[in-house]
Amino acid sequence: MALPDRFIIFLGRTCSGHNHDYLMLKQALPPEWAWFADLNVRGALGYLGMKSAYRGERIAIPTRKPRKSQKHPNPQWSEEQKAANTALSRVRILIEHAIGGMKRSNSLVHTFRNRIEHFEDDVIGICAGLWNLVLSY
């Protein structure tokens, strides 16, 4: 999680293998607690169930593109949906820039070989700290 000024405020634990981001969020921040009650949260389409699972009135998820069907062979978004998705993407791109800033240290980009348990969490924390330090200057 990051702020719109690209300052990283939360890192979840790393998981080996293929894991869905929303499932990792539910493990790190259980929906039973009011984590996002007072926050403006902007998520991606991978977090579609977040609005119903988490308590918070300011959780925004983009609208999915309508599916094709025989009844609607060429579905389109409404102008309101397009505007809302554009506004969300303008905020989310800043978060993507924060992730890219962390990846400037090549230890996150290349294959990470280590023998110390949970050391990858420490490395990601160091990379996030260095990125936040760069932002503060």
N, C-alpha and C. Protein backbone atom coordinates (compact mmCIF):
# COMPACT_ATOMS: atom_id res chain seq x y z
N MET A 1 0.85 -1.16 0.00
CA MET A 1 0.00 0.00 0.00
C MET A 1 0.89 1.22 0.00
N ALA A 2 0.43 2.23 -0.72
CA ALA A 2 1.21 3.46 -0.82
C ALA A 2 0.26 4.65 -0.85
N LEU A 3 0.82 5.79 -0.52
CA LEU A 3 0.07 7.04 -0.58
C LEU A 3 0.15 7.61 -2.00
N PRO A 4 -0.72 8.55 -2.35
CA PRO A 4 -0.65 9.13 -3.70
C PRO A 4 0.68 9.84 -4.00
N ASP A 5 1.44 10.22 -2.98
CA ASP A 5 2.75 10.82 -3.24
C ASP A 5 3.85 9.77 -3.39
N ARG A 6 3.45 8.50 -3.58
CA ARG A 6 4.31 7.34 -3.84
C ARG A 6 5.08 6.86 -2.62
N PHE A 7 4.73 7.32 -1.43
CA PHE A 7 5.36 6.90 -0.19
C PHE A 7 4.75 5.57 0.23
N ILE A 8 5.56 4.55 0.40
CA ILE A 8 5.08 3.21 0.72
C ILE A 8 4.80 3.13 2.22
N ILE A 9 3.56 2.71 2.57
CA ILE A 9 3.17 2.68 3.97
C ILE A 9 2.96 1.26 4.51
N PHE A 10 2.79 0.27 3.65
CA PHE A 10 2.54 -1.08 4.13
C PHE A 10 3.06 -2.09 3.12
N LEU A 11 3.73 -3.10 3.61
CA LEU A 11 4.16 -4.23 2.80
C LEU A 11 3.66 -5.51 3.44
N GLY A 12 3.00 -6.33 2.67
CA GLY A 12 2.57 -7.62 3.18
C GLY A 12 3.71 -8.62 3.12
N ARG A 13 3.52 -9.75 3.74
CA ARG A 13 4.53 -10.80 3.70
C ARG A 13 4.61 -11.38 2.30
N THR A 14 5.79 -11.83 1.94
CA THR A 14 5.96 -12.46 0.64
C THR A 14 5.48 -13.90 0.70
N CYS A 15 5.01 -14.40 -0.43
CA CYS A 15 4.54 -15.78 -0.53
C CYS A 15 5.20 -16.40 -1.74
N SER A 16 5.64 -17.62 -1.59
CA SER A 16 6.24 -18.31 -2.73
C SER A 16 5.14 -18.89 -3.61
N GLY A 17 5.43 -18.97 -4.88
CA GLY A 17 4.47 -19.54 -5.82
C GLY A 17 3.47 -18.52 -6.31
N HIS A 18 2.41 -19.00 -6.94
CA HIS A 18 1.38 -18.14 -7.50
C HIS A 18 0.28 -17.95 -6.46
N ASN A 19 0.09 -16.72 -6.04
CA ASN A 19 -0.94 -16.39 -5.07
C ASN A 19 -1.69 -15.16 -5.56
N HIS A 20 -2.99 -15.17 -5.39
CA HIS A 20 -3.80 -14.03 -5.81
C HIS A 20 -3.65 -12.90 -4.80
N ASP A 21 -3.54 -11.68 -5.29
CA ASP A 21 -3.33 -10.52 -4.43
C ASP A 21 -4.45 -10.35 -3.41
N TYR A 22 -5.69 -10.58 -3.82
CA TYR A 22 -6.81 -10.38 -2.91
C TYR A 22 -6.79 -11.39 -1.77
N LEU A 23 -6.40 -12.63 -2.04
CA LEU A 23 -6.30 -13.63 -0.99
C LEU A 23 -5.19 -13.28 -0.01
N MET A 24 -4.08 -12.75 -0.52
CA MET A 24 -3.00 -12.33 0.37
C MET A 24 -3.43 -11.14 1.22
N LEU A 25 -4.24 -10.24 0.66
CA LEU A 25 -4.76 -9.11 1.43
C LEU A 25 -5.66 -9.59 2.55
N LYS A 26 -6.52 -10.57 2.26
CA LYS A 26 -7.42 -11.08 3.29
C LYS A 26 -6.66 -11.81 4.39
N GLN A 27 -5.52 -12.42 4.07
CA GLN A 27 -4.72 -13.06 5.09
C GLN A 27 -3.99 -12.03 5.95
N ALA A 28 -3.47 -10.99 5.32
CA ALA A 28 -2.71 -9.98 6.06
C ALA A 28 -3.62 -9.06 6.87
N LEU A 29 -4.75 -8.67 6.29
CA LEU A 29 -5.70 -7.76 6.94
C LEU A 29 -7.08 -8.41 6.92
N PRO A 30 -7.43 -9.19 7.93
CA PRO A 30 -8.71 -9.90 7.93
C PRO A 30 -9.90 -8.94 7.80
N PRO A 31 -10.90 -9.31 7.02
CA PRO A 31 -12.06 -8.44 6.79
C PRO A 31 -12.90 -8.18 8.03
N GLU A 32 -12.76 -8.99 9.08
CA GLU A 32 -13.57 -8.81 10.28
C GLU A 32 -13.25 -7.50 10.98
N TRP A 33 -12.05 -6.99 10.81
CA TRP A 33 -11.64 -5.75 11.46
C TRP A 33 -11.86 -4.59 10.51
N ALA A 34 -12.10 -3.44 11.04
CA ALA A 34 -12.39 -2.25 10.22
C ALA A 34 -11.09 -1.57 9.81
N TRP A 35 -10.36 -2.20 8.91
CA TRP A 35 -9.07 -1.67 8.46
C TRP A 35 -9.24 -0.39 7.64
N PHE A 36 -10.23 -0.37 6.78
CA PHE A 36 -10.35 0.71 5.81
C PHE A 36 -11.54 1.62 6.09
N ALA A 37 -11.98 1.68 7.34
CA ALA A 37 -13.17 2.45 7.67
C ALA A 37 -12.98 3.94 7.41
N ASP A 38 -11.80 4.47 7.70
CA ASP A 38 -11.56 5.91 7.57
C ASP A 38 -10.58 6.26 6.45
N LEU A 39 -10.34 5.34 5.53
CA LEU A 39 -9.36 5.57 4.48
C LEU A 39 -10.00 5.62 3.10
N ASN A 40 -9.39 6.37 2.21
CA ASN A 40 -9.75 6.30 0.79
C ASN A 40 -8.92 5.20 0.17
N VAL A 41 -9.56 4.15 -0.29
CA VAL A 41 -8.87 2.99 -0.84
C VAL A 41 -9.19 2.90 -2.32
N ARG A 42 -8.16 2.78 -3.13
CA ARG A 42 -8.32 2.62 -4.57
C ARG A 42 -7.68 1.29 -4.96
N GLY A 43 -8.48 0.37 -5.43
CA GLY A 43 -7.99 -0.95 -5.78
C GLY A 43 -8.05 -1.20 -7.27
N ALA A 44 -7.49 -2.31 -7.66
CA ALA A 44 -7.52 -2.74 -9.05
C ALA A 44 -8.63 -3.77 -9.22
N LEU A 45 -8.81 -4.25 -10.44
CA LEU A 45 -9.87 -5.23 -10.71
C LEU A 45 -9.62 -6.57 -10.01
N GLY A 46 -8.39 -6.80 -9.56
CA GLY A 46 -8.10 -8.03 -8.83
C GLY A 46 -8.72 -8.07 -7.45
N TYR A 47 -9.25 -6.94 -6.98
CA TYR A 47 -9.83 -6.84 -5.65
C TYR A 47 -11.34 -6.63 -5.72
N LEU A 48 -12.01 -7.32 -6.63
CA LEU A 48 -13.44 -7.09 -6.86
C LEU A 48 -14.31 -7.34 -5.63
N GLY A 49 -14.02 -8.30 -4.80
CA GLY A 49 -14.85 -8.59 -3.64
C GLY A 49 -14.56 -7.70 -2.44
N MET A 50 -13.66 -6.77 -2.59
CA MET A 50 -13.23 -5.96 -1.46
C MET A 50 -14.34 -5.06 -0.93
N LYS A 51 -15.16 -4.52 -1.80
CA LYS A 51 -16.23 -3.62 -1.35
C LYS A 51 -17.23 -4.34 -0.46
N SER A 52 -17.54 -5.57 -0.76
CA SER A 52 -18.52 -6.29 0.04
C SER A 52 -17.90 -6.93 1.29
N ALA A 53 -16.61 -7.29 1.24
CA ALA A 53 -15.99 -7.97 2.38
C ALA A 53 -15.51 -7.01 3.45
N TYR A 54 -14.97 -5.87 3.04
CA TYR A 54 -14.41 -4.93 4.01
C TYR A 54 -15.38 -3.80 4.28
N ARG A 55 -15.37 -3.34 5.54
CA ARG A 55 -16.21 -2.20 5.90
C ARG A 55 -15.49 -0.92 5.55
N GLY A 56 -16.16 -0.07 4.84
CA GLY A 56 -15.58 1.21 4.45
C GLY A 56 -16.40 1.77 3.31
N GLU A 57 -16.73 3.03 3.44
CA GLU A 57 -17.56 3.65 2.41
C GLU A 57 -16.74 4.27 1.30
N ARG A 58 -15.42 4.37 1.51
CA ARG A 58 -14.59 5.02 0.52
C ARG A 58 -13.65 4.04 -0.17
N ILE A 59 -14.15 2.86 -0.49
CA ILE A 59 -13.40 1.87 -1.24
C ILE A 59 -13.87 1.94 -2.69
N ALA A 60 -12.95 2.20 -3.58
CA ALA A 60 -13.30 2.35 -5.00
C ALA A 60 -12.57 1.30 -5.83
N ILE A 61 -13.33 0.57 -6.61
CA ILE A 61 -12.82 -0.45 -7.52
C ILE A 61 -13.31 -0.08 -8.92
N PRO A 62 -12.49 -0.21 -9.95
CA PRO A 62 -12.97 0.13 -11.28
C PRO A 62 -14.10 -0.78 -11.75
N THR A 63 -14.83 -0.31 -12.73
CA THR A 63 -15.93 -1.08 -13.31
C THR A 63 -15.38 -2.00 -14.39
N ARG A 64 -15.82 -3.24 -14.36
CA ARG A 64 -15.40 -4.18 -15.41
C ARG A 64 -16.09 -3.85 -16.72
N LYS A 65 -15.42 -4.17 -17.81
CA LYS A 65 -16.01 -3.98 -19.11
C LYS A 65 -17.15 -4.98 -19.28
N PRO A 66 -18.29 -4.54 -19.81
CA PRO A 66 -19.41 -5.47 -19.98
C PRO A 66 -19.05 -6.58 -20.97
N ARG A 67 -19.62 -7.75 -20.73
CA ARG A 67 -19.35 -8.90 -21.61
C ARG A 67 -20.22 -8.85 -22.85
N LYS A 68 -19.69 -9.46 -23.88
CA LYS A 68 -20.48 -9.61 -25.11
C LYS A 68 -21.52 -10.70 -24.91
N SER A 69 -22.65 -10.53 -25.54
CA SER A 69 -23.68 -11.56 -25.54
C SER A 69 -24.45 -11.42 -26.85
N GLN A 70 -25.36 -12.35 -27.07
CA GLN A 70 -26.18 -12.25 -28.28
C GLN A 70 -27.09 -11.03 -28.19
N LYS A 71 -27.54 -10.73 -27.00
CA LYS A 71 -28.42 -9.59 -26.82
C LYS A 71 -27.66 -8.27 -26.96
N HIS A 72 -26.41 -8.25 -26.48
CA HIS A 72 -25.56 -7.05 -26.56
C HIS A 72 -24.24 -7.42 -27.24
N PRO A 73 -24.19 -7.42 -28.58
CA PRO A 73 -22.97 -7.86 -29.27
C PRO A 73 -21.81 -6.88 -29.14
N ASN A 74 -22.09 -5.61 -28.88
CA ASN A 74 -21.02 -4.62 -28.77
C ASN A 74 -21.24 -3.76 -27.52
N PRO A 75 -21.01 -4.33 -26.33
CA PRO A 75 -21.30 -3.57 -25.09
C PRO A 75 -20.28 -2.45 -24.91
N GLN A 76 -20.73 -1.36 -24.32
CA GLN A 76 -19.88 -0.20 -24.08
C GLN A 76 -20.06 0.27 -22.64
N TRP A 77 -19.04 0.94 -22.11
CA TRP A 77 -19.15 1.59 -20.83
C TRP A 77 -19.95 2.88 -20.99
N SER A 78 -20.63 3.28 -19.93
CA SER A 78 -21.28 4.59 -19.96
C SER A 78 -20.21 5.66 -19.75
N GLU A 79 -20.56 6.89 -20.02
CA GLU A 79 -19.60 7.98 -19.85
C GLU A 79 -19.21 8.14 -18.38
N GLU A 80 -20.15 7.89 -17.45
CA GLU A 80 -19.84 7.98 -16.03
C GLU A 80 -18.84 6.90 -15.61
N GLN A 81 -19.03 5.68 -16.15
CA GLN A 81 -18.11 4.60 -15.83
C GLN A 81 -16.72 4.88 -16.38
N LYS A 82 -16.65 5.42 -17.60
CA LYS A 82 -15.35 5.76 -18.18
C LYS A 82 -14.65 6.82 -17.34
N ALA A 83 -15.39 7.84 -16.92
CA ALA A 83 -14.80 8.92 -16.12
C ALA A 83 -14.32 8.39 -14.77
N ALA A 84 -15.11 7.52 -14.15
CA ALA A 84 -14.72 6.95 -12.85
C ALA A 84 -13.47 6.08 -12.99
N ASN A 85 -13.41 5.26 -14.03
CA ASN A 85 -12.25 4.41 -14.25
C ASN A 85 -11.00 5.24 -14.55
N THR A 86 -11.16 6.33 -15.29
CA THR A 86 -10.03 7.21 -15.59
C THR A 86 -9.52 7.87 -14.32
N ALA A 87 -10.42 8.32 -13.47
CA ALA A 87 -10.01 8.95 -12.22
C ALA A 87 -9.27 7.95 -11.32
N LEU A 88 -9.76 6.71 -11.27
CA LEU A 88 -9.08 5.69 -10.46
C LEU A 88 -7.71 5.35 -11.03
N SER A 89 -7.60 5.27 -12.34
CA SER A 89 -6.32 4.90 -12.93
C SER A 89 -5.28 6.00 -12.73
N ARG A 90 -5.71 7.24 -12.63
CA ARG A 90 -4.76 8.34 -12.38
C ARG A 90 -4.15 8.24 -10.98
N VAL A 91 -4.89 7.72 -10.04
CA VAL A 91 -4.35 7.52 -8.70
C VAL A 91 -3.53 6.24 -8.65
N ARG A 92 -4.04 5.18 -9.27
CA ARG A 92 -3.36 3.88 -9.21
C ARG A 92 -2.02 3.90 -9.91
N ILE A 93 -1.84 4.73 -10.92
CA ILE A 93 -0.56 4.76 -11.63
C ILE A 93 0.54 5.25 -10.71
N LEU A 94 0.21 6.10 -9.75
CA LEU A 94 1.21 6.57 -8.79
C LEU A 94 1.68 5.43 -7.90
N ILE A 95 0.78 4.52 -7.57
CA ILE A 95 1.15 3.35 -6.77
C ILE A 95 2.06 2.43 -7.59
N GLU A 96 1.75 2.28 -8.86
CA GLU A 96 2.60 1.47 -9.74
C GLU A 96 3.99 2.09 -9.85
N HIS A 97 4.08 3.42 -9.83
CA HIS A 97 5.38 4.08 -9.85
C HIS A 97 6.16 3.80 -8.57
N ALA A 98 5.46 3.71 -7.44
CA ALA A 98 6.12 3.37 -6.18
C ALA A 98 6.69 1.95 -6.23
N ILE A 99 5.93 1.02 -6.79
CA ILE A 99 6.41 -0.36 -6.93
C ILE A 99 7.61 -0.39 -7.86
N GLY A 100 7.55 0.35 -8.96
CA GLY A 100 8.67 0.43 -9.88
C GLY A 100 9.89 1.07 -9.24
N GLY A 101 9.67 2.05 -8.37
CA GLY A 101 10.79 2.68 -7.67
C GLY A 101 11.50 1.71 -6.76
N MET A 102 10.74 0.83 -6.11
CA MET A 102 11.36 -0.20 -5.28
C MET A 102 12.19 -1.15 -6.12
N LYS A 103 11.74 -1.42 -7.34
CA LYS A 103 12.43 -2.37 -8.20
C LYS A 103 13.70 -1.80 -8.82
N ARG A 104 13.98 -0.53 -8.54
CA ARG A 104 15.25 0.03 -9.03
C ARG A 104 16.44 -0.66 -8.39
N SER A 105 16.25 -1.17 -7.20
CA SER A 105 17.32 -1.98 -6.63
C SER A 105 17.17 -3.37 -7.24
N ASN A 106 18.19 -3.80 -7.89
CA ASN A 106 18.10 -5.02 -8.71
C ASN A 106 17.87 -6.29 -7.90
N SER A 107 17.95 -6.23 -6.59
CA SER A 107 17.71 -7.44 -5.80
C SER A 107 16.26 -7.90 -5.91
N LEU A 108 15.34 -7.01 -6.27
CA LEU A 108 13.94 -7.41 -6.44
C LEU A 108 13.62 -7.84 -7.86
N VAL A 109 14.49 -7.54 -8.79
CA VAL A 109 14.21 -7.82 -10.20
C VAL A 109 14.75 -9.19 -10.60
N HIS A 110 15.93 -9.51 -10.16
CA HIS A 110 16.57 -10.76 -10.55
C HIS A 110 16.18 -11.90 -9.63
N THR A 111 16.56 -13.11 -10.02
CA THR A 111 16.28 -14.28 -9.20
C THR A 111 16.96 -14.13 -7.85
N PHE A 112 16.19 -14.34 -6.80
CA PHE A 112 16.68 -14.13 -5.43
C PHE A 112 17.02 -15.49 -4.84
N ARG A 113 18.31 -15.72 -4.63
CA ARG A 113 18.76 -16.99 -4.06
C ARG A 113 19.26 -16.73 -2.64
N ASN A 114 18.59 -17.30 -1.70
CA ASN A 114 19.03 -17.16 -0.31
C ASN A 114 18.72 -18.45 0.44
N ARG A 115 19.35 -18.60 1.57
CA ARG A 115 19.11 -19.79 2.40
C ARG A 115 18.57 -19.42 3.77
N ILE A 116 18.37 -18.14 4.02
CA ILE A 116 17.87 -17.70 5.31
C ILE A 116 16.36 -17.56 5.22
N GLU A 117 15.66 -18.15 6.16
CA GLU A 117 14.20 -18.14 6.14
C GLU A 117 13.67 -16.72 6.37
N HIS A 118 12.70 -16.31 5.56
CA HIS A 118 12.02 -15.00 5.63
C HIS A 118 12.95 -13.82 5.36
N PHE A 119 14.11 -14.06 4.78
CA PHE A 119 15.04 -12.97 4.49
C PHE A 119 14.52 -12.10 3.34
N GLU A 120 13.70 -12.68 2.47
CA GLU A 120 13.15 -11.89 1.36
C GLU A 120 12.25 -10.76 1.84
N ASP A 121 11.55 -10.97 2.97
CA ASP A 121 10.75 -9.89 3.55
C ASP A 121 11.62 -8.73 4.01
N ASP A 122 12.79 -9.07 4.58
CA ASP A 122 13.71 -8.02 5.01
C ASP A 122 14.26 -7.25 3.82
N VAL A 123 14.57 -7.94 2.75
CA VAL A 123 15.12 -7.28 1.56
C VAL A 123 14.08 -6.34 0.95
N ILE A 124 12.84 -6.78 0.86
CA ILE A 124 11.79 -5.91 0.32
C ILE A 124 11.57 -4.72 1.23
N GLY A 125 11.63 -4.93 2.54
CA GLY A 125 11.50 -3.81 3.48
C GLY A 125 12.63 -2.80 3.33
N ILE A 126 13.84 -3.28 3.11
CA ILE A 126 14.97 -2.39 2.89
C ILE A 126 14.79 -1.60 1.60
N CYS A 127 14.35 -2.28 0.54
CA CYS A 127 14.13 -1.59 -0.74
C CYS A 127 13.03 -0.52 -0.62
N ALA A 128 11.97 -0.84 0.12
CA ALA A 128 10.91 0.15 0.34
C ALA A 128 11.43 1.32 1.18
N GLY A 129 12.23 1.04 2.18
CA GLY A 129 12.80 2.10 2.99
C GLY A 129 13.72 2.99 2.19
N LEU A 130 14.54 2.40 1.31
CA LEU A 130 15.41 3.22 0.46
C LEU A 130 14.60 4.08 -0.50
N TRP A 131 13.52 3.51 -1.03
CA TRP A 131 12.66 4.29 -1.93
C TRP A 131 12.02 5.46 -1.18
N ASN A 132 11.54 5.21 0.03
CA ASN A 132 10.95 6.29 0.84
C ASN A 132 11.99 7.34 1.19
N LEU A 133 13.24 6.92 1.42
CA LEU A 133 14.31 7.85 1.71
C LEU A 133 14.58 8.74 0.50
N VAL A 134 14.57 8.16 -0.68
CA VAL A 134 14.78 8.94 -1.91
C VAL A 134 13.67 9.98 -2.07
N LEU A 135 12.44 9.60 -1.74
CA LEU A 135 11.32 10.53 -1.85
C LEU A 135 11.42 11.68 -0.86
N SER A 136 12.04 11.44 0.28
CA SER A 136 12.08 12.49 1.30
C SER A 136 13.11 13.56 0.99
N TYR A 137 14.02 13.32 0.03
CA TYR A 137 15.02 14.35 -0.32
C TYR A 137 14.56 15.20 -1.45
